[in-house]
Amino acid sequence: MRFTKVLMSFLLVLSVSLSYGQDYLMHTLMTHTDSARSVDFSNDEKYVYSAGYDYRIVKWRLDNSENLVYLTGHKDIINCVRVNSKGDIIASAANDNTIKLWSAKANNLTRTMRGHNHYINSIDFSKDGKNLLSASSDKTVLLWNLAPSYSVQRVFRGHTDIVRDAVFSPNGSYVASVGEDKTVRIWSAKTGKLLQTAKDHNDIVNCVAFSPNGKYLVSCSDNDDIIIWNFEGGKITMKNHITGHRSNVNTVAFSGDSLMIASGSDDNDIKLWSVETGMQVASLIGHSDRVNDLVFSKSGRYIVSASDDKTIKVWGPFQFDESIGALMQQMESLDVSDEDL
């Protein structure tokens, strides 16, 4: 099996490297009047939602770059916008200390939730859509019940400084959080118990993400680095320590097949990395200022990014996820081992 993973990692690097230098930039979306802070795809990949320093959410059509509607209501910078798994609810979090829920179909505000007493830096829906996480400058992470109560179910306390990001594990059993205390923390979502504190980063940790298959975690920091972690039973162990960006790394995301990581940095670049080897396989160059947020589309064919250059950029279509993922499944079904060579 180890040989299979090494071979597949090589093929993954080769497949993307063969396309290295091609222009993957599909669209540049320009309606924001100030820095674009956050972005997400609709599940059907027809729309992009973006938000930032101009206090509004913009809904775009992916096929023709047209902005359909502005969602307004926040009174300060919007730090995060996310779409739930069903695709019918958009959530936004802002420096006005509120979380707002919006109807994706009707394009209107449905609810405002208050619980933090400082800026809210990130939000994340559970996969089943029943809960929401929020990370705040008040040093806490809140777990919210959504319909029908829309109330705080649990408070995670332990960070000693601003919490930059918090996310659910794919099965909803765990929470990972990171922040300005330079730690990565793992919690039980059910009990709120702190299970592990990792101090391997040497600077502010900006973003954290679970792989869709639940086997890995990734985090990034102001030390210009990325750490890929093995994740099992509520514990993390370091898998790969990646360097390659020339400045702070602000955002990281997994592809849908858990084979690739994308990262965005103050150096204006987006880089793609192999999860298995930690090797850089491509760079997406086009932003003229820091990259604040990025996500893969559900299919893995597209990446969308938000930047201080006031633009949203859509990249793709990528083919390596689908082809390499299928090839890996075929190889694993053969159960090739070192002894077979």
C-alpha atoms as a PDB file:
ATOM      1  CA  MET A   1       0.000   0.000   0.000  1.00  0.00           C
ATOM      2  CA  ARG A   2       2.901   2.354   0.692  1.00  0.00           C
ATOM      3  CA  PHE A   3       4.133   1.827  -2.862  1.00  0.00           C
ATOM      4  CA  THR A   4       0.643   2.620  -4.167  1.00  0.00           C
ATOM      5  CA  LYS A   5       0.596   5.937  -2.326  1.00  0.00           C
ATOM      6  CA  VAL A   6       4.071   6.905  -3.525  1.00  0.00           C
ATOM      7  CA  LEU A   7       3.213   5.974  -7.119  1.00  0.00           C
ATOM      8  CA  MET A   8      -0.046   7.871  -7.038  1.00  0.00           C
ATOM      9  CA  SER A   9       1.667  10.924  -5.556  1.00  0.00           C
ATOM     10  CA  PHE A  10       4.179  10.814  -8.401  1.00  0.00           C
ATOM     11  CA  LEU A  11       1.417  10.556 -10.992  1.00  0.00           C
ATOM     12  CA  LEU A  12      -0.447  13.420  -9.327  1.00  0.00           C
ATOM     13  CA  VAL A  13       2.620  15.651  -9.423  1.00  0.00           C
ATOM     14  CA  LEU A  14       3.326  14.613 -13.012  1.00  0.00           C
ATOM     15  CA  SER A  15      -0.217  15.247 -14.202  1.00  0.00           C
ATOM     16  CA  VAL A  16      -0.306  18.768 -12.834  1.00  0.00           C
ATOM     17  CA  SER A  17       3.292  19.559 -13.721  1.00  0.00           C
ATOM     18  CA  LEU A  18       2.561  18.716 -17.340  1.00  0.00           C
ATOM     19  CA  SER A  19      -0.007  21.513 -17.271  1.00  0.00           C
ATOM     20  CA  TYR A  20       2.158  23.871 -15.265  1.00  0.00           C
ATOM     21  CA  GLY A  21       2.309  27.313 -16.875  1.00  0.00           C
ATOM     22  CA  GLN A  22      -1.092  27.087 -18.526  1.00  0.00           C
ATOM     23  CA  ASP A  23      -3.439  29.921 -17.725  1.00  0.00           C
ATOM     24  CA  TYR A  24      -6.067  28.470 -15.384  1.00  0.00           C
ATOM     25  CA  LEU A  25      -7.645  31.872 -14.716  1.00  0.00           C
ATOM     26  CA  MET A  26     -11.252  31.725 -15.966  1.00  0.00           C
ATOM     27  CA  HIS A  27     -12.874  34.852 -14.550  1.00  0.00           C
ATOM     28  CA  THR A  28     -11.940  37.958 -12.598  1.00  0.00           C
ATOM     29  CA  LEU A  29     -14.971  39.312 -10.750  1.00  0.00           C
ATOM     30  CA  MET A  30     -14.803  43.029  -9.976  1.00  0.00           C
ATOM     31  CA  THR A  31     -17.622  44.634  -8.039  1.00  0.00           C
ATOM     32  CA  HIS A  32     -16.211  44.967  -4.533  1.00  0.00           C
ATOM     33  CA  THR A  33     -15.144  48.503  -3.681  1.00  0.00           C
ATOM     34  CA  ASP A  34     -12.615  47.387  -1.070  1.00  0.00           C
ATOM     35  CA  SER A  35     -10.690  44.256  -0.035  1.00  0.00           C
ATOM     36  CA  ALA A  36     -12.449  40.945  -0.702  1.00  0.00           C
ATOM     37  CA  ARG A  37     -12.222  38.926   2.490  1.00  0.00           C
ATOM     38  CA  SER A  38     -14.060  35.653   1.890  1.00  0.00           C
ATOM     39  CA  VAL A  39     -15.613  33.503  -0.821  1.00  0.00           C
ATOM     40  CA  ASP A  40     -17.558  30.271  -1.339  1.00  0.00           C
ATOM     41  CA  PHE A  41     -19.229  28.246  -4.104  1.00  0.00           C
ATOM     42  CA  SER A  42     -22.819  27.150  -4.313  1.00  0.00           C
ATOM     43  CA  ASN A  43     -23.014  23.343  -4.295  1.00  0.00           C
ATOM     44  CA  ASP A  44     -24.176  23.193  -7.903  1.00  0.00           C
ATOM     45  CA  GLU A  45     -21.216  25.384  -8.959  1.00  0.00           C
ATOM     46  CA  LYS A  46     -23.533  27.847 -10.685  1.00  0.00           C
ATOM     47  CA  TYR A  47     -22.867  30.690  -8.243  1.00  0.00           C
ATOM     48  CA  VAL A  48     -20.095  32.275  -6.223  1.00  0.00           C
ATOM     49  CA  TYR A  49     -20.670  34.257  -3.024  1.00  0.00           C
ATOM     50  CA  SER A  50     -18.088  36.807  -1.899  1.00  0.00           C
ATOM     51  CA  ALA A  51     -17.811  39.336   0.932  1.00  0.00           C
ATOM     52  CA  GLY A  52     -15.373  41.762   2.459  1.00  0.00           C
ATOM     53  CA  TYR A  53     -14.526  45.252   3.590  1.00  0.00           C
ATOM     54  CA  ASP A  54     -17.435  46.920   1.784  1.00  0.00           C
ATOM     55  CA  TYR A  55     -19.944  45.333   4.237  1.00  0.00           C
ATOM     56  CA  ARG A  56     -21.846  43.400   1.572  1.00  0.00           C
ATOM     57  CA  ILE A  57     -22.168  39.933   0.055  1.00  0.00           C
ATOM     58  CA  VAL A  58     -22.125  39.647  -3.719  1.00  0.00           C
ATOM     59  CA  LYS A  59     -23.778  36.739  -5.548  1.00  0.00           C
ATOM     60  CA  TRP A  60     -22.220  35.984  -8.935  1.00  0.00           C
ATOM     61  CA  ARG A  61     -23.087  33.709 -11.845  1.00  0.00           C
ATOM     62  CA  LEU A  62     -20.092  31.508 -12.576  1.00  0.00           C
ATOM     63  CA  ASP A  63     -20.849  31.035 -16.262  1.00  0.00           C
ATOM     64  CA  ASN A  64     -20.787  34.691 -17.273  1.00  0.00           C
ATOM     65  CA  SER A  65     -19.232  36.561 -14.296  1.00  0.00           C
ATOM     66  CA  GLU A  66     -22.430  38.567 -13.808  1.00  0.00           C
ATOM     67  CA  ASN A  67     -23.167  39.823 -10.304  1.00  0.00           C
ATOM     68  CA  LEU A  68     -26.806  39.031  -9.613  1.00  0.00           C
ATOM     69  CA  VAL A  69     -27.512  40.611  -6.287  1.00  0.00           C
ATOM     70  CA  TYR A  70     -26.031  42.363  -3.284  1.00  0.00           C
ATOM     71  CA  LEU A  71     -26.948  41.123   0.202  1.00  0.00           C
ATOM     72  CA  THR A  72     -26.680  44.025   2.634  1.00  0.00           C
ATOM     73  CA  GLY A  73     -27.290  44.295   6.356  1.00  0.00           C
ATOM     74  CA  HIS A  74     -23.945  44.010   8.130  1.00  0.00           C
ATOM     75  CA  LYS A  75     -22.580  47.219   9.622  1.00  0.00           C
ATOM     76  CA  ASP A  76     -18.895  46.361   9.503  1.00  0.00           C
ATOM     77  CA  ILE A  77     -16.315  44.277   7.636  1.00  0.00           C
ATOM     78  CA  ILE A  78     -17.544  40.781   6.699  1.00  0.00           C
ATOM     79  CA  ASN A  79     -14.820  38.256   7.499  1.00  0.00           C
ATOM     80  CA  CYS A  80     -16.424  35.041   6.307  1.00  0.00           C
ATOM     81  CA  VAL A  81     -19.216  33.792   4.043  1.00  0.00           C
ATOM     82  CA  ARG A  82     -20.179  30.106   3.808  1.00  0.00           C
ATOM     83  CA  VAL A  83     -22.889  28.026   2.109  1.00  0.00           C
ATOM     84  CA  ASN A  84     -24.469  25.007   3.855  1.00  0.00           C
ATOM     85  CA  SER A  85     -24.377  21.490   2.401  1.00  0.00           C
ATOM     86  CA  LYS A  86     -27.913  21.702   0.985  1.00  0.00           C
ATOM     87  CA  GLY A  87     -27.090  24.984  -0.679  1.00  0.00           C
ATOM     88  CA  ASP A  88     -30.179  26.804   0.593  1.00  0.00           C
ATOM     89  CA  ILE A  89     -28.601  28.898   3.398  1.00  0.00           C
ATOM     90  CA  ILE A  90     -25.743  31.387   3.287  1.00  0.00           C
ATOM     91  CA  ALA A  91     -24.102  32.416   6.559  1.00  0.00           C
ATOM     92  CA  SER A  92     -21.925  35.484   7.062  1.00  0.00           C
ATOM     93  CA  ALA A  93     -19.832  36.672  10.010  1.00  0.00           C
ATOM     94  CA  ALA A  94     -18.586  40.203  10.588  1.00  0.00           C
ATOM     95  CA  ASN A  95     -16.825  42.725  12.767  1.00  0.00           C
ATOM     96  CA  ASP A  96     -20.251  43.948  13.921  1.00  0.00           C
ATOM     97  CA  ASN A  97     -20.183  40.838  16.193  1.00  0.00           C
ATOM     98  CA  THR A  98     -23.114  39.208  14.386  1.00  0.00           C
ATOM     99  CA  ILE A  99     -23.783  36.160  12.261  1.00  0.00           C
ATOM    100  CA  LYS A 100     -26.421  36.595   9.586  1.00  0.00           C
ATOM    101  CA  LEU A 101     -28.321  33.845   7.765  1.00  0.00           C
ATOM    102  CA  TRP A 102     -29.641  34.442   4.251  1.00  0.00           C
ATOM    103  CA  SER A 103     -31.934  32.529   1.917  1.00  0.00           C
ATOM    104  CA  ALA A 104     -29.990  31.420  -1.153  1.00  0.00           C
ATOM    105  CA  LYS A 105     -33.224  31.136  -3.132  1.00  0.00           C
ATOM    106  CA  ALA A 106     -34.950  34.361  -2.091  1.00  0.00           C
ATOM    107  CA  ASN A 107     -31.694  36.336  -1.644  1.00  0.00           C
ATOM    108  CA  ASN A 108     -32.890  37.898   1.600  1.00  0.00           C
ATOM    109  CA  LEU A 109     -31.896  38.059   5.255  1.00  0.00           C
ATOM    110  CA  THR A 110     -33.714  35.501   7.421  1.00  0.00           C
ATOM    111  CA  ARG A 111     -32.014  35.787  10.818  1.00  0.00           C
ATOM    112  CA  THR A 112     -29.353  37.637  12.827  1.00  0.00           C
ATOM    113  CA  MET A 113     -27.588  35.715  15.630  1.00  0.00           C
ATOM    114  CA  ARG A 114     -25.701  37.336  18.496  1.00  0.00           C
ATOM    115  CA  GLY A 115     -23.483  35.647  21.069  1.00  0.00           C
ATOM    116  CA  HIS A 116     -19.907  36.885  20.687  1.00  0.00           C
ATOM    117  CA  ASN A 117     -18.731  40.152  22.217  1.00  0.00           C
ATOM    118  CA  HIS A 118     -15.991  40.815  19.655  1.00  0.00           C
ATOM    119  CA  TYR A 119     -15.262  40.366  15.953  1.00  0.00           C
ATOM    120  CA  ILE A 120     -16.345  37.048  14.412  1.00  0.00           C
ATOM    121  CA  ASN A 121     -13.544  35.786  12.190  1.00  0.00           C
ATOM    122  CA  SER A 122     -14.883  32.558  10.732  1.00  0.00           C
ATOM    123  CA  ILE A 123     -17.927  30.297  10.507  1.00  0.00           C
ATOM    124  CA  ASP A 124     -18.438  26.685   9.439  1.00  0.00           C
ATOM    125  CA  PHE A 125     -21.555  24.596   8.857  1.00  0.00           C
ATOM    126  CA  SER A 126     -21.689  20.996  10.057  1.00  0.00           C
ATOM    127  CA  LYS A 127     -22.118  18.552   7.195  1.00  0.00           C
ATOM    128  CA  ASP A 128     -25.688  17.730   8.259  1.00  0.00           C
ATOM    129  CA  GLY A 129     -26.534  21.440   8.350  1.00  0.00           C
ATOM    130  CA  LYS A 130     -27.902  21.308  11.891  1.00  0.00           C
ATOM    131  CA  ASN A 131     -25.094  23.270  13.547  1.00  0.00           C
ATOM    132  CA  LEU A 132     -22.765  26.201  12.942  1.00  0.00           C
ATOM    133  CA  LEU A 133     -19.359  27.032  14.419  1.00  0.00           C
ATOM    134  CA  SER A 134     -18.074  30.556  14.930  1.00  0.00           C
ATOM    135  CA  ALA A 135     -14.560  31.678  15.916  1.00  0.00           C
ATOM    136  CA  SER A 136     -14.048  35.074  17.480  1.00  0.00           C
ATOM    137  CA  SER A 137     -11.595  37.686  18.656  1.00  0.00           C
ATOM    138  CA  ASP A 138     -13.196  37.204  22.111  1.00  0.00           C
ATOM    139  CA  LYS A 139     -10.977  34.048  22.333  1.00  0.00           C
ATOM    140  CA  THR A 140     -13.909  31.624  22.141  1.00  0.00           C
ATOM    141  CA  VAL A 141     -15.513  29.263  19.649  1.00  0.00           C
ATOM    142  CA  LEU A 142     -19.294  28.894  19.778  1.00  0.00           C
ATOM    143  CA  LEU A 143     -21.316  25.929  18.559  1.00  0.00           C
ATOM    144  CA  TRP A 144     -24.800  27.004  17.512  1.00  0.00           C
ATOM    145  CA  ASN A 145     -27.939  24.965  17.031  1.00  0.00           C
ATOM    146  CA  LEU A 146     -29.733  26.125  13.928  1.00  0.00           C
ATOM    147  CA  ALA A 147     -33.471  25.599  13.316  1.00  0.00           C
ATOM    148  CA  PRO A 148     -35.583  25.766  15.310  1.00  0.00           C
ATOM    149  CA  SER A 149     -33.800  27.284  18.340  1.00  0.00           C
ATOM    150  CA  TYR A 150     -30.874  29.196  16.732  1.00  0.00           C
ATOM    151  CA  SER A 151     -29.131  29.220  20.112  1.00  0.00           C
ATOM    152  CA  VAL A 152     -25.635  28.642  21.474  1.00  0.00           C
ATOM    153  CA  GLN A 153     -25.278  24.978  22.425  1.00  0.00           C
ATOM    154  CA  ARG A 154     -21.650  24.963  23.541  1.00  0.00           C
ATOM    155  CA  VAL A 155     -18.747  27.328  24.243  1.00  0.00           C
ATOM    156  CA  PHE A 156     -15.170  26.186  23.618  1.00  0.00           C
ATOM    157  CA  ARG A 157     -12.763  28.039  25.920  1.00  0.00           C
ATOM    158  CA  GLY A 158      -9.011  27.513  26.061  1.00  0.00           C
ATOM    159  CA  HIS A 159      -7.381  29.758  23.484  1.00  0.00           C
ATOM    160  CA  THR A 160      -5.389  32.539  25.134  1.00  0.00           C
ATOM    161  CA  ASP A 161      -5.681  34.961  22.223  1.00  0.00           C
ATOM    162  CA  ILE A 162      -7.857  35.718  19.177  1.00  0.00           C
ATOM    163  CA  VAL A 163      -9.318  32.635  17.474  1.00  0.00           C
ATOM    164  CA  ARG A 164      -8.845  32.978  13.738  1.00  0.00           C
ATOM    165  CA  ASP A 165     -10.649  29.855  12.502  1.00  0.00           C
ATOM    166  CA  ALA A 166     -12.646  26.808  13.626  1.00  0.00           C
ATOM    167  CA  VAL A 167     -14.076  23.904  11.604  1.00  0.00           C
ATOM    168  CA  PHE A 168     -16.049  20.696  12.065  1.00  0.00           C
ATOM    169  CA  SER A 169     -14.603  17.301  11.196  1.00  0.00           C
ATOM    170  CA  PRO A 170     -16.539  15.652   8.336  1.00  0.00           C
ATOM    171  CA  ASN A 171     -18.415  13.344  10.746  1.00  0.00           C
ATOM    172  CA  GLY A 172     -19.216  16.237  13.079  1.00  0.00           C
ATOM    173  CA  SER A 173     -17.608  14.578  16.107  1.00  0.00           C
ATOM    174  CA  TYR A 174     -14.639  16.932  16.412  1.00  0.00           C
ATOM    175  CA  VAL A 175     -13.768  20.595  16.135  1.00  0.00           C
ATOM    176  CA  ALA A 176     -10.379  22.019  15.171  1.00  0.00           C
ATOM    177  CA  SER A 177      -9.513  25.634  16.005  1.00  0.00           C
ATOM    178  CA  VAL A 178      -6.481  27.887  15.502  1.00  0.00           C
ATOM    179  CA  GLY A 179      -5.485  31.381  16.465  1.00  0.00           C
ATOM    180  CA  GLU A 180      -3.080  34.057  17.526  1.00  0.00           C
ATOM    181  CA  ASP A 181      -1.830  31.961  20.472  1.00  0.00           C
ATOM    182  CA  LYS A 182       0.053  29.951  17.778  1.00  0.00           C
ATOM    183  CA  THR A 183      -1.788  26.708  18.583  1.00  0.00           C
ATOM    184  CA  VAL A 184      -3.905  24.128  16.800  1.00  0.00           C
ATOM    185  CA  ARG A 185      -6.548  22.720  19.158  1.00  0.00           C
ATOM    186  CA  ILE A 186      -8.750  19.648  18.810  1.00  0.00           C
ATOM    187  CA  TRP A 187     -12.030  19.421  20.740  1.00  0.00           C
ATOM    188  CA  SER A 188     -14.870  16.994  21.243  1.00  0.00           C
ATOM    189  CA  ALA A 189     -17.908  18.540  19.560  1.00  0.00           C
ATOM    190  CA  LYS A 190     -20.216  16.561  21.831  1.00  0.00           C
ATOM    191  CA  THR A 191     -18.698  17.472  25.194  1.00  0.00           C
ATOM    192  CA  GLY A 192     -16.590  20.552  24.446  1.00  0.00           C
ATOM    193  CA  LYS A 193     -13.569  18.846  26.032  1.00  0.00           C
ATOM    194  CA  LEU A 194     -10.152  19.929  24.797  1.00  0.00           C
ATOM    195  CA  LEU A 195      -8.456  16.784  23.444  1.00  0.00           C
ATOM    196  CA  GLN A 196      -5.134  18.139  22.172  1.00  0.00           C
ATOM    197  CA  THR A 197      -3.130  21.339  21.847  1.00  0.00           C
ATOM    198  CA  ALA A 198      -0.402  21.341  19.179  1.00  0.00           C
ATOM    199  CA  LYS A 199       2.288  24.027  19.349  1.00  0.00           C
ATOM    200  CA  ASP A 200       4.279  23.195  16.223  1.00  0.00           C
ATOM    201  CA  HIS A 201       3.662  26.541  14.490  1.00  0.00           C
ATOM    202  CA  ASN A 202       5.965  29.386  15.527  1.00  0.00           C
ATOM    203  CA  ASP A 203       3.612  32.243  14.666  1.00  0.00           C
ATOM    204  CA  ILE A 204      -0.084  33.158  14.411  1.00  0.00           C
ATOM    205  CA  VAL A 205      -2.105  30.296  12.892  1.00  0.00           C
ATOM    206  CA  ASN A 206      -4.606  31.684  10.399  1.00  0.00           C
ATOM    207  CA  CYS A 207      -6.641  28.830   8.970  1.00  0.00           C
ATOM    208  CA  VAL A 208      -7.426  25.153   9.488  1.00  0.00           C
ATOM    209  CA  ALA A 209      -9.273  22.576   7.368  1.00  0.00           C
ATOM    210  CA  PHE A 210     -10.195  18.897   7.554  1.00  0.00           C
ATOM    211  CA  SER A 211      -9.844  16.705   4.486  1.00  0.00           C
ATOM    212  CA  PRO A 212     -13.200  15.455   3.181  1.00  0.00           C
ATOM    213  CA  ASN A 213     -12.156  11.845   3.891  1.00  0.00           C
ATOM    214  CA  GLY A 214     -11.479  12.743   7.534  1.00  0.00           C
ATOM    215  CA  LYS A 215      -7.911  11.418   7.506  1.00  0.00           C
ATOM    216  CA  TYR A 216      -6.010  14.709   7.488  1.00  0.00           C
ATOM    217  CA  LEU A 217      -5.947  18.226   8.860  1.00  0.00           C
ATOM    218  CA  VAL A 218      -4.074  21.197   7.435  1.00  0.00           C
ATOM    219  CA  SER A 219      -3.105  24.487   9.098  1.00  0.00           C
ATOM    220  CA  CYS A 220      -1.161  27.548   7.966  1.00  0.00           C
ATOM    221  CA  SER A 221       0.570  30.428   9.692  1.00  0.00           C
ATOM    222  CA  ASP A 222       2.288  33.802   9.594  1.00  0.00           C
ATOM    223  CA  ASN A 223       5.558  31.856   9.698  1.00  0.00           C
ATOM    224  CA  ASP A 224       5.019  31.315   5.942  1.00  0.00           C
ATOM    225  CA  ASP A 225       4.413  27.597   6.525  1.00  0.00           C
ATOM    226  CA  ILE A 226       1.764  24.896   6.154  1.00  0.00           C
ATOM    227  CA  ILE A 227       1.464  21.744   8.251  1.00  0.00           C
ATOM    228  CA  ILE A 228      -0.397  18.658   7.061  1.00  0.00           C
ATOM    229  CA  TRP A 229      -1.463  16.470   9.974  1.00  0.00           C
ATOM    230  CA  ASN A 230      -2.595  12.885  10.183  1.00  0.00           C
ATOM    231  CA  PHE A 231      -5.906  12.804  12.044  1.00  0.00           C
ATOM    232  CA  GLU A 232      -7.270   9.796  13.896  1.00  0.00           C
ATOM    233  CA  GLY A 233      -9.429   9.390  16.982  1.00  0.00           C
ATOM    234  CA  GLY A 234      -9.337  13.055  17.897  1.00  0.00           C
ATOM    235  CA  LYS A 235      -5.538  13.277  17.746  1.00  0.00           C
ATOM    236  CA  ILE A 236      -3.174  14.841  15.220  1.00  0.00           C
ATOM    237  CA  THR A 237       0.409  13.920  14.319  1.00  0.00           C
ATOM    238  CA  MET A 238       2.545  15.824  11.845  1.00  0.00           C
ATOM    239  CA  LYS A 239       2.668  14.345   8.339  1.00  0.00           C
ATOM    240  CA  ASN A 240       4.327  17.086   6.246  1.00  0.00           C
ATOM    241  CA  HIS A 241       5.772  20.491   7.122  1.00  0.00           C
ATOM    242  CA  ILE A 242       5.588  22.621   3.982  1.00  0.00           C
ATOM    243  CA  THR A 243       7.422  25.820   3.119  1.00  0.00           C
ATOM    244  CA  GLY A 244       7.377  27.604  -0.217  1.00  0.00           C
ATOM    245  CA  HIS A 245       5.353  30.779   0.138  1.00  0.00           C
ATOM    246  CA  ARG A 246       7.356  33.970   0.559  1.00  0.00           C
ATOM    247  CA  SER A 247       5.080  35.532   3.177  1.00  0.00           C
ATOM    248  CA  ASN A 248       2.194  34.818   5.585  1.00  0.00           C
ATOM    249  CA  VAL A 249      -0.082  31.960   4.528  1.00  0.00           C
ATOM    250  CA  ASN A 250      -3.671  33.065   5.143  1.00  0.00           C
ATOM    251  CA  THR A 251      -5.859  30.272   3.821  1.00  0.00           C
ATOM    252  CA  VAL A 252      -5.778  26.560   2.996  1.00  0.00           C
ATOM    253  CA  ALA A 253      -8.342  24.162   1.511  1.00  0.00           C
ATOM    254  CA  PHE A 254      -8.552  20.499   0.483  1.00  0.00           C
ATOM    255  CA  SER A 255      -9.789  19.263  -2.856  1.00  0.00           C
ATOM    256  CA  GLY A 256     -12.865  17.064  -2.733  1.00  0.00           C
ATOM    257  CA  ASP A 257     -10.883  13.853  -3.171  1.00  0.00           C
ATOM    258  CA  SER A 258      -8.448  14.816  -0.346  1.00  0.00           C
ATOM    259  CA  LEU A 259      -5.444  14.518  -2.687  1.00  0.00           C
ATOM    260  CA  MET A 260      -4.622  18.199  -3.068  1.00  0.00           C
ATOM    261  CA  ILE A 261      -4.266  21.290  -0.897  1.00  0.00           C
ATOM    262  CA  ALA A 262      -4.532  24.849  -2.169  1.00  0.00           C
ATOM    263  CA  SER A 263      -3.008  27.729  -0.199  1.00  0.00           C
ATOM    264  CA  GLY A 264      -3.151  31.522  -0.488  1.00  0.00           C
ATOM    265  CA  SER A 265      -0.644  34.003   0.857  1.00  0.00           C
ATOM    266  CA  ASP A 266       0.442  37.591   1.405  1.00  0.00           C
ATOM    267  CA  ASP A 267       2.858  36.943  -1.477  1.00  0.00           C
ATOM    268  CA  ASN A 268      -0.230  37.224  -3.793  1.00  0.00           C
ATOM    269  CA  ASP A 269       0.141  33.612  -4.988  1.00  0.00           C
ATOM    270  CA  ILE A 270      -1.992  30.482  -4.782  1.00  0.00           C
ATOM    271  CA  LYS A 271      -0.088  27.202  -4.632  1.00  0.00           C
ATOM    272  CA  LEU A 272      -1.225  23.606  -5.082  1.00  0.00           C
ATOM    273  CA  TRP A 273       0.383  20.835  -3.036  1.00  0.00           C
ATOM    274  CA  SER A 274       0.276  17.042  -2.950  1.00  0.00           C
ATOM    275  CA  VAL A 275      -1.149  15.866   0.380  1.00  0.00           C
ATOM    276  CA  GLU A 276       0.832  12.634   0.287  1.00  0.00           C
ATOM    277  CA  THR A 277       4.269  14.087  -0.469  1.00  0.00           C
ATOM    278  CA  GLY A 278       3.912  17.733   0.534  1.00  0.00           C
ATOM    279  CA  MET A 279       5.400  18.703  -2.838  1.00  0.00           C
ATOM    280  CA  GLN A 280       4.327  21.851  -4.659  1.00  0.00           C
ATOM    281  CA  VAL A 281       2.749  20.928  -7.975  1.00  0.00           C
ATOM    282  CA  ALA A 282       1.544  24.264  -9.370  1.00  0.00           C
ATOM    283  CA  SER A 283       1.211  28.004  -8.782  1.00  0.00           C
ATOM    284  CA  LEU A 284      -1.762  30.126  -9.777  1.00  0.00           C
ATOM    285  CA  ILE A 285      -0.494  33.652 -10.333  1.00  0.00           C
ATOM    286  CA  GLY A 286      -2.851  36.535 -11.037  1.00  0.00           C
ATOM    287  CA  HIS A 287      -3.769  38.416  -7.883  1.00  0.00           C
ATOM    288  CA  SER A 288      -1.943  41.701  -7.338  1.00  0.00           C
ATOM    289  CA  ASP A 289      -2.351  41.732  -3.554  1.00  0.00           C
ATOM    290  CA  ARG A 290      -2.670  39.283  -0.649  1.00  0.00           C
ATOM    291  CA  VAL A 291      -4.962  36.268  -0.998  1.00  0.00           C
ATOM    292  CA  ASN A 292      -7.363  36.145   1.950  1.00  0.00           C
ATOM    293  CA  ASP A 293      -9.545  33.117   1.242  1.00  0.00           C
ATOM    294  CA  LEU A 294      -9.986  30.298  -1.253  1.00  0.00           C
ATOM    295  CA  VAL A 295     -12.122  27.197  -1.664  1.00  0.00           C
ATOM    296  CA  PHE A 296     -12.427  24.278  -4.057  1.00  0.00           C
ATOM    297  CA  SER A 297     -15.771  23.661  -5.692  1.00  0.00           C
ATOM    298  CA  LYS A 298     -17.510  20.455  -4.634  1.00  0.00           C
ATOM    299  CA  SER A 299     -16.413  18.631  -7.802  1.00  0.00           C
ATOM    300  CA  GLY A 300     -12.824  19.837  -7.402  1.00  0.00           C
ATOM    301  CA  ARG A 301     -12.840  21.294 -10.924  1.00  0.00           C
ATOM    302  CA  TYR A 302     -12.627  24.934  -9.793  1.00  0.00           C
ATOM    303  CA  ILE A 303     -10.986  27.135  -7.188  1.00  0.00           C
ATOM    304  CA  VAL A 304     -12.305  30.561  -6.248  1.00  0.00           C
ATOM    305  CA  SER A 305     -10.174  33.100  -4.367  1.00  0.00           C
ATOM    306  CA  ALA A 306     -10.637  36.470  -2.642  1.00  0.00           C
ATOM    307  CA  SER A 307      -7.953  39.132  -2.390  1.00  0.00           C
ATOM    308  CA  ASP A 308      -7.044  42.552  -1.058  1.00  0.00           C
ATOM    309  CA  ASP A 309      -6.844  43.604  -4.732  1.00  0.00           C
ATOM    310  CA  LYS A 310     -10.688  43.855  -4.505  1.00  0.00           C
ATOM    311  CA  THR A 311     -11.203  40.996  -6.949  1.00  0.00           C
ATOM    312  CA  ILE A 312     -12.584  37.477  -6.879  1.00  0.00           C
ATOM    313  CA  LYS A 313     -10.849  35.065  -9.251  1.00  0.00           C
ATOM    314  CA  VAL A 314     -12.156  31.744 -10.542  1.00  0.00           C
ATOM    315  CA  TRP A 315      -9.532  29.179 -11.599  1.00  0.00           C
ATOM    316  CA  GLY A 316      -9.905  25.984 -13.589  1.00  0.00           C
ATOM    317  CA  PRO A 317     -11.258  23.732 -14.839  1.00  0.00           C
ATOM    318  CA  PHE A 318      -8.842  21.258 -13.268  1.00  0.00           C
ATOM    319  CA  GLN A 319      -8.921  17.635 -14.379  1.00  0.00           C
ATOM    320  CA  PHE A 320      -6.369  16.037 -12.071  1.00  0.00           C
ATOM    321  CA  ASP A 321      -8.770  15.472  -9.143  1.00  0.00           C
ATOM    322  CA  GLU A 322     -11.142  13.247 -11.083  1.00  0.00           C
ATOM    323  CA  SER A 323      -8.581  11.315 -13.118  1.00  0.00           C
ATOM    324  CA  ILE A 324      -6.037  10.785 -10.372  1.00  0.00           C
ATOM    325  CA  GLY A 325      -8.697   9.960  -7.799  1.00  0.00           C
ATOM    326  CA  ALA A 326     -10.137   7.257 -10.063  1.00  0.00           C
ATOM    327  CA  LEU A 327      -6.665   5.881 -10.768  1.00  0.00           C
ATOM    328  CA  MET A 328      -5.868   5.742  -7.064  1.00  0.00           C
ATOM    329  CA  GLN A 329      -9.046   3.809  -6.361  1.00  0.00           C
ATOM    330  CA  GLN A 330      -8.099   1.311  -9.068  1.00  0.00           C
ATOM    331  CA  MET A 331      -4.599   0.883  -7.641  1.00  0.00           C
ATOM    332  CA  GLU A 332      -5.893   0.455  -4.090  1.00  0.00           C
ATOM    333  CA  SER A 333      -8.342  -2.191  -5.292  1.00  0.00           C
ATOM    334  CA  LEU A 334      -5.324  -4.154  -6.566  1.00  0.00           C
ATOM    335  CA  ASP A 335      -3.737  -3.851  -3.091  1.00  0.00           C
ATOM    336  CA  VAL A 336      -0.218  -3.484  -4.485  1.00  0.00           C
ATOM    337  CA  SER A 337       2.465  -3.725  -1.778  1.00  0.00           C
ATOM    338  CA  ASP A 338       6.224  -3.437  -1.679  1.00  0.00           C
ATOM    339  CA  GLU A 339       6.477  -7.219  -1.459  1.00  0.00           C
ATOM    340  CA  ASP A 340       4.759  -7.548  -4.823  1.00  0.00           C
ATOM    341  CA  LEU A 341       7.554  -5.699  -6.587  1.00  0.00           C
END
